[in-house]
Amino acid sequence: MKLFPYLAVAVLALGLAACQKPKQTRPDAEVMTPGATDSGAAASGLGSEGAGVSGGAPLTPQQQALAALMAQQKNVIFFDFDSSEIRSEFVPVVAAHAAYLVKFPGAQVRVEGHTDERGSREYNIGLGERRAQTVRRALMAQGVADTQITTVSYGEERPAVEGSDEAAFAQNRRVELVHAQ
């Protein structure tokens, strides 16, 4: 179920690519994609890499930007043990999602908080909620409207990987950003 958005985008891209007719382009022509004209596009991760699919039924700019974000598979933010602080390496991920949501004010995102299996169920629901709220506040600080964001905590109930070792725990301490279409 977690891979469905990725699979849907991949199937759509493959289907459109199969129907694509060869195009004549000038070698010096610059391809513009959503976010490419923004001054923060490169820093936010919404540049031209994998952002558009041409041919077949055209995608809306919002669908193209979301496809670019999803193609980069940067919709998960990992956390340290017993922490709800966003690690520095995930700040650009939050910024990329914020840039997308600001550019498309009709877009919605669900921020899902998760934990590893250590701790009580109640504690983990609370920790997952704190993680989701931290990401929500970071998105809002970058201009995303409150009405675009919903949060939910699954605590330890939906592990990304099974296991009771540090590698599994590390993969399960996360927030997933799920965009609604």
Foldseek 3Di string as FASTA:
>chain_A
DVCVVVVVLVVVLVVQVVQDDDDDDDPPDDDAAPLCPDPCSVLLQQHDVQQARDGDDGDDSLVSSVSSLVVVVLFKFFDDPPDLDGDPVNLSSLSNVLVSCQVPVVKAKEKEFEAAPPDDQVVQQVSRQSNSVNSVVSSVVSPHDPVRYHYGYPRNPDQPDDDDDPVSRRRGRIIGIGIDD
